[in-house]
Protein backbone atom coordinates (compact mmCIF):
# COMPACT_ATOMS: atom_id res chain seq x y z
CA MET A 1 207.90 -8.58 117.37
CA LEU A 2 211.06 -10.69 117.40
CA GLN A 3 212.51 -11.36 120.84
CA ARG A 4 215.47 -13.43 121.98
CA SER A 5 213.66 -14.41 125.17
CA PRO A 6 210.26 -13.58 126.68
CA SER A 7 209.49 -10.81 129.17
CA TYR A 8 206.68 -10.40 131.66
CA VAL A 9 203.99 -8.17 130.21
CA ALA A 10 201.02 -7.01 132.28
CA ALA A 11 197.89 -5.35 130.93
CA LEU A 12 196.93 -2.36 133.06
CA PRO A 13 194.29 0.34 132.46
CA ALA A 14 195.63 3.40 130.66
CA THR A 15 193.27 5.51 132.76
CA ASP A 16 193.23 5.17 136.54
CA ARG A 17 189.51 4.97 137.32
CA MET A 18 190.01 5.29 141.06
CA ALA A 19 192.08 8.41 140.52
CA THR A 20 189.32 9.86 138.34
CA ARG A 21 186.75 9.24 141.07
CA LEU A 22 188.96 10.69 143.80
CA GLN A 23 189.53 13.82 141.72
CA ARG A 24 185.79 14.17 141.35
CA TRP A 25 185.00 13.65 145.04
CA LEU A 26 187.92 15.31 146.86
CA PRO A 27 189.69 18.70 146.79
CA ARG A 28 192.51 18.72 144.24
CA GLN A 29 195.44 18.60 146.68
CA VAL A 30 193.83 15.95 148.88
CA ALA A 31 193.01 13.84 145.83
CA ALA A 32 196.59 14.12 144.52
CA ARG A 33 198.00 12.97 147.87
CA ALA A 34 195.53 10.07 148.08
CA ILE A 35 196.31 8.94 144.52
CA ARG A 36 200.04 9.08 145.17
CA TRP A 37 199.76 6.95 148.29
CA LYS A 38 197.46 4.50 146.56
CA ASN A 39 200.11 4.00 143.88
CA VAL A 40 202.91 3.77 146.47
CA VAL A 41 201.08 1.07 148.42
CA PHE A 42 200.40 -0.88 145.22
CA SER A 43 204.07 -0.64 144.25
CA VAL A 44 205.33 -1.70 147.69
CA ALA A 45 202.87 -4.60 147.83
CA THR A 46 203.86 -5.82 144.35
CA THR A 47 207.55 -5.65 145.23
CA ALA A 48 206.98 -7.58 148.46
CA LEU A 49 204.97 -10.23 146.61
CA SER A 50 207.72 -10.64 144.00
CA ARG A 51 210.29 -11.20 146.76
CA HIS A 52 208.36 -13.47 149.09
CA ARG A 53 205.82 -15.20 146.81
CA PRO A 54 207.29 -15.10 143.29
CA GLU A 55 205.37 -18.17 142.12
CA MET A 56 202.07 -16.56 143.08
CA LEU A 57 202.89 -13.37 141.18
CA LYS A 58 204.13 -15.41 138.23
CA SER A 59 200.82 -17.29 138.15
CA MET A 60 198.82 -14.05 138.33
CA LEU A 61 200.76 -12.54 135.44
CA ARG A 62 200.31 -15.67 133.34
CA ARG A 63 196.53 -15.71 133.91
CA ASN A 64 196.41 -12.03 132.96
CA VAL A 65 198.08 -12.84 129.64
CA VAL A 66 196.17 -16.04 128.84
CA LYS A 67 192.74 -14.42 129.08
CA ARG A 68 193.79 -11.70 126.60
CA LEU A 69 195.30 -13.90 123.91
CA PRO A 70 193.66 -16.18 121.33
CA ALA A 71 192.87 -19.76 122.35
CA GLY A 72 195.83 -22.01 121.72
CA PHE A 73 198.40 -19.21 121.71
CA ASP A 74 201.80 -20.49 122.89
CA VAL A 75 201.98 -18.39 126.06
CA ASP A 76 204.78 -20.41 127.64
CA THR A 77 207.10 -19.77 124.69
CA HIS A 78 206.42 -16.07 124.21
CA PHE A 79 205.29 -14.69 127.60
CA ALA A 80 206.79 -16.97 130.29
CA PRO A 81 210.34 -15.87 131.22
CA THR A 82 212.76 -18.19 133.01
CA TYR A 83 213.38 -15.61 135.76
CA ASN A 84 211.06 -14.44 138.55
CA PRO A 85 209.00 -11.25 138.26
CA TRP A 86 211.07 -8.11 138.94
CA ASP A 87 214.39 -9.94 138.60
CA GLN A 88 214.19 -7.85 135.45
CA ARG A 89 211.86 -4.92 134.93
CA LEU A 90 208.25 -5.74 134.12
CA CYS A 91 206.58 -4.35 130.98
CA VAL A 92 203.12 -2.79 130.99
CA ALA A 93 200.73 -2.81 128.03
CA PRO A 94 198.26 0.11 128.49
CA ASP A 95 194.73 -1.26 128.19
CA GLY A 96 196.31 -4.49 126.93
CA ASP A 97 197.05 -2.92 123.53
CA LEU A 98 199.77 -5.46 122.66
CA PHE A 99 197.45 -8.39 123.32
CA ARG A 100 194.61 -6.72 121.43
CA VAL A 101 196.60 -6.41 118.19
CA ILE A 102 197.90 -9.98 118.53
CA ARG A 103 194.34 -11.21 119.02
CA SER A 104 193.20 -9.26 115.93
CA GLY A 105 195.88 -10.91 113.78
CA ALA A 106 197.54 -7.58 112.97
CA ALA A 107 200.71 -8.52 114.90
CA ASP A 108 202.56 -11.61 116.08
CA VAL A 109 205.41 -12.54 118.41
CA VAL A 110 208.37 -14.70 117.47
CA THR A 111 210.84 -15.96 120.11
CA ASP A 112 214.07 -16.99 118.44
CA HIS A 113 217.68 -15.98 117.79
CA ILE A 114 219.01 -14.03 114.82
CA ALA A 115 221.39 -15.89 112.51
CA GLU A 116 221.84 -13.02 110.07
CA ILE A 117 220.20 -10.02 108.45
CA THR A 118 219.31 -10.78 104.83
CA SER A 119 218.37 -8.57 101.91
CA SER A 120 214.69 -9.22 102.60
CA GLY A 121 214.51 -9.59 106.37
CA ILE A 122 215.92 -11.71 109.21
CA GLN A 123 217.16 -15.29 109.08
CA LEU A 124 216.62 -17.09 112.41
CA THR A 125 218.71 -19.89 113.89
CA SER A 126 215.67 -22.17 113.79
CA GLY A 127 215.70 -21.94 109.97
CA ARG A 128 212.66 -19.67 109.78
CA HIS A 129 212.90 -16.43 107.80
CA LEU A 130 211.05 -13.25 108.76
CA ASP A 131 210.33 -10.95 105.84
CA ALA A 132 210.71 -7.29 106.79
CA ASP A 133 210.50 -3.91 105.08
CA ILE A 134 211.91 -2.10 108.13
CA ILE A 135 213.88 -3.48 111.08
CA VAL A 136 213.75 -1.50 114.33
CA SER A 137 216.64 -2.48 116.60
CA ALA A 138 215.88 -2.73 120.32
CA THR A 139 218.95 -4.36 121.82
CA GLY A 140 222.57 -3.69 122.71
CA LEU A 141 222.04 -1.23 125.56
CA ASN A 142 225.06 -0.52 127.75
CA VAL A 143 225.11 1.44 131.00
CA LEU A 144 227.15 4.65 130.99
CA ALA A 145 227.95 5.23 134.66
CA ILE A 146 227.42 8.85 135.84
CA GLY A 147 227.03 9.93 132.23
CA GLY A 148 230.62 9.10 131.38
CA MET A 149 232.07 11.72 133.75
CA VAL A 150 235.52 11.21 135.27
CA LEU A 151 235.63 12.03 138.98
CA THR A 152 238.84 13.30 140.55
CA VAL A 153 239.55 14.17 144.17
CA ASP A 154 242.74 16.17 144.88
CA GLY A 155 244.01 15.21 141.44
CA ARG A 156 243.37 11.50 141.99
CA GLU A 157 241.00 9.78 139.58
CA ILE A 158 238.21 7.87 141.30
CA GLU A 159 237.52 4.30 140.18
CA LEU A 160 233.78 3.84 140.64
CA PRO A 161 234.00 0.08 141.43
CA ASP A 162 236.28 0.99 144.35
CA THR A 163 233.59 3.14 145.94
CA LEU A 164 230.56 2.26 148.04
CA ALA A 165 227.22 3.95 147.49
CA TYR A 166 226.11 5.90 150.56
CA LYS A 167 222.31 5.81 150.93
CA GLY A 168 222.24 5.03 147.22
CA MET A 169 223.06 8.64 146.35
CA MET A 170 226.64 9.58 147.35
CA LEU A 171 230.00 7.83 146.98
CA SER A 172 232.54 6.93 149.64
CA GLU A 173 235.51 9.33 149.88
CA VAL A 174 234.00 11.58 147.17
CA PRO A 175 233.04 14.98 148.64
CA ASN A 176 230.02 17.05 147.64
CA PHE A 177 228.82 14.67 144.94
CA ALA A 178 225.36 13.16 144.62
CA LEU A 179 223.80 10.95 141.98
CA THR A 180 220.32 9.57 141.50
CA VAL A 181 219.66 5.84 141.54
CA GLY A 182 215.94 5.12 141.56
CA TYR A 183 213.98 1.97 142.23
CA THR A 184 214.26 -0.95 139.84
CA LYS A 185 211.23 -2.77 141.24
CA ALA A 186 208.96 0.29 141.45
CA SER A 187 208.73 3.77 139.97
CA TRP A 188 212.23 5.16 139.43
CA THR A 189 211.01 8.69 140.19
CA LEU A 190 209.75 7.76 143.67
CA ARG A 191 213.33 7.49 144.85
CA SER A 192 214.54 10.34 142.65
CA ASP A 193 212.25 12.61 144.65
CA LEU A 194 213.68 11.31 147.94
CA VAL A 195 217.26 11.90 146.73
CA ALA A 196 216.43 15.49 145.73
CA ARG A 197 214.90 16.17 149.14
CA TYR A 198 217.89 14.63 150.91
CA VAL A 199 220.33 16.81 148.95
CA CYS A 200 218.34 19.88 150.03
CA ARG A 201 218.50 18.73 153.67
CA LEU A 202 222.25 18.19 153.37
CA LEU A 203 222.82 21.62 151.83
CA ARG A 204 220.87 23.24 154.66
CA HIS A 205 222.96 21.32 157.20
CA LEU A 206 226.17 22.53 155.55
CA THR A 207 224.94 26.12 155.60
CA ASP A 208 223.65 26.00 159.16
CA GLY A 209 226.85 24.38 160.47
CA GLY A 210 229.19 26.64 158.55
CA TYR A 211 230.62 23.68 156.61
CA GLN A 212 231.69 23.51 152.97
CA ILE A 213 232.34 19.82 152.45
CA ALA A 214 230.43 16.60 153.14
CA THR A 215 232.24 13.31 152.48
CA PRO A 216 230.85 9.81 153.19
CA ILE A 217 233.48 7.61 154.88
CA ALA A 218 232.91 3.91 154.30
CA PRO A 219 233.70 1.25 156.89
CA GLN A 220 236.31 -1.35 156.01
CA LEU A 221 234.47 -4.36 154.62
CA GLY A 222 235.29 -7.76 153.25
CA GLU A 223 234.50 -8.76 149.68
CA GLY A 224 231.73 -11.03 150.94
CA ASP A 225 229.93 -8.06 152.50
CA LEU A 226 229.44 -6.32 149.16
CA ALA A 227 226.67 -6.49 146.60
CA PRO A 228 225.98 -4.90 143.21
CA LEU A 229 224.43 -1.45 143.41
CA ILE A 230 221.60 -2.37 141.04
CA ASP A 231 219.92 -5.70 141.71
CA LEU A 232 218.55 -6.57 138.29
CA GLU A 233 219.40 -9.68 136.30
CA ALA A 234 219.00 -7.87 132.97
CA GLY A 235 221.91 -8.37 130.60
CA TYR A 236 222.72 -4.67 130.27
CA ILE A 237 223.10 -4.46 134.07
CA ARG A 238 225.12 -7.67 134.44
CA ARG A 239 227.51 -6.50 131.72
CA SER A 240 228.14 -3.26 133.61
CA LEU A 241 228.59 -4.44 137.20
CA ASP A 242 232.37 -4.00 137.10
CA LEU A 243 231.88 -0.35 136.10
CA LEU A 244 229.49 0.63 138.90
CA PRO A 245 229.84 1.46 142.59
CA ARG A 246 228.91 -1.29 145.01
CA GLN A 247 226.91 -1.37 148.21
CA GLY A 248 227.49 -2.76 151.67
CA PRO A 249 225.48 -5.09 153.87
CA SER A 250 223.40 -2.58 155.82
CA THR A 251 222.13 1.00 156.15
CA PRO A 252 223.42 3.59 155.27
CA TRP A 253 225.51 1.65 152.75
CA ARG A 254 222.62 -0.42 151.40
CA LEU A 255 220.05 0.65 148.80
CA GLU A 256 216.77 -0.91 149.89
CA GLN A 257 213.92 -1.43 147.44
CA ASN A 258 211.45 -0.13 150.00
CA TYR A 259 209.92 3.31 149.60
CA LEU A 260 208.39 3.47 153.06
CA ARG A 261 211.70 2.68 154.76
CA ASP A 262 213.62 5.02 152.46
CA ARG A 263 211.12 7.81 153.01
CA ARG A 264 211.76 7.69 156.74
CA LEU A 265 215.54 7.49 156.25
CA MET A 266 215.88 10.20 153.61
CA ARG A 267 213.38 12.70 154.97
CA ARG A 268 213.89 12.30 158.71
CA GLY A 269 216.95 10.11 159.25
CA PRO A 270 220.34 11.37 160.47
CA LEU A 271 222.58 13.42 158.18
CA THR A 272 225.80 12.80 160.06
CA ASP A 273 226.05 9.00 160.08
CA ASP A 274 229.33 7.95 158.41
CA VAL A 275 229.83 11.45 156.95
CA ARG A 276 232.77 13.77 157.59
CA PHE A 277 232.01 17.50 157.45
CA GLY A 278 234.74 20.04 156.89
CA HIS A 279 236.05 23.11 155.11
CA ALA A 280 238.13 23.91 152.07
CA GLY A 281 241.78 23.59 153.00
CA ASP A 282 241.28 20.76 155.50
CA PRO A 283 243.82 17.91 155.21
CA PRO A 284 242.70 15.56 152.42
CA ILE A 285 241.19 12.20 153.27
CA PRO A 286 243.78 9.49 152.62
CA PRO A 287 242.76 7.47 149.55
CA ARG A 288 241.76 3.90 150.25
CA VAL A 289 239.64 1.13 148.83
CA PRO A 290 236.85 0.31 151.33
CA VAL A 291 237.16 -3.39 150.60
CA THR A 292 239.55 -5.51 152.64
CA ALA A 293 240.34 -7.88 149.75
CA GLY A 294 240.89 -5.07 147.28
CA ARG A 295 240.33 -5.20 143.54
CA GLU A 296 243.67 -6.93 142.97
CA ALA A 297 242.41 -9.98 144.86
CA LYS A 298 239.17 -9.86 142.90
CA SER A 299 240.93 -9.77 139.53
CA SER A 300 243.25 -12.63 140.49
């Protein structure tokens, strides 16, 4: 495995033994709920540790790797990233399979840069050559915001970087549009579920109130109040920040990496905060950029 830089890799059991026991001891539905909450608590605790005690989590991950690799293996070169855990997503090796094949001698890891592809493999900038029969590319990912769709409101094209994300799932001044942004420091689907439930709540509110349109209206903010929508340091995210919506300093314009807080907000929180409800034919909302400085100031 050739890599430009190392990633955090954690060995975790492929089979959840606690879940197996709970399924044996408890009724099916009760066991499912208990397993879900066990995983949620583990995820929340890991995220909190990465934020408040990154060096401790880094040390734990390193010990996990060292005990699974051969004596003398250069762990610091191949499995010790320069960033903190969860600044980029963390990889999981089920039952430590990656470490097992390295230990057996059937696989190896090389951390280096590619100089060129040759007729027989890969030439590295260090001067080393890797012979290869097949090269599987695993780089070059770029984010395609909202699947490449073009949003228009009253014939006006919406520039995504000019919008703010409302509760991480709607866009300022864009009516009746929802998107799913999951967690980057926990299971993506945990938040996807919350977004789906919130959309159902919003649709019921529209029906019950006799409304047809729901449009988030962002407060006027300064450039210093804004942050990227996705808080990962991965290259494919950093390259795409100018193509994505942004987020504000506080709820409901802030996407928190906290399932417990989001669960309360999305399942029981208000539906009307910073949202305008209306009907087809209502006067259009005047277009505006919800950033005091504007994009012109940013580009200058």
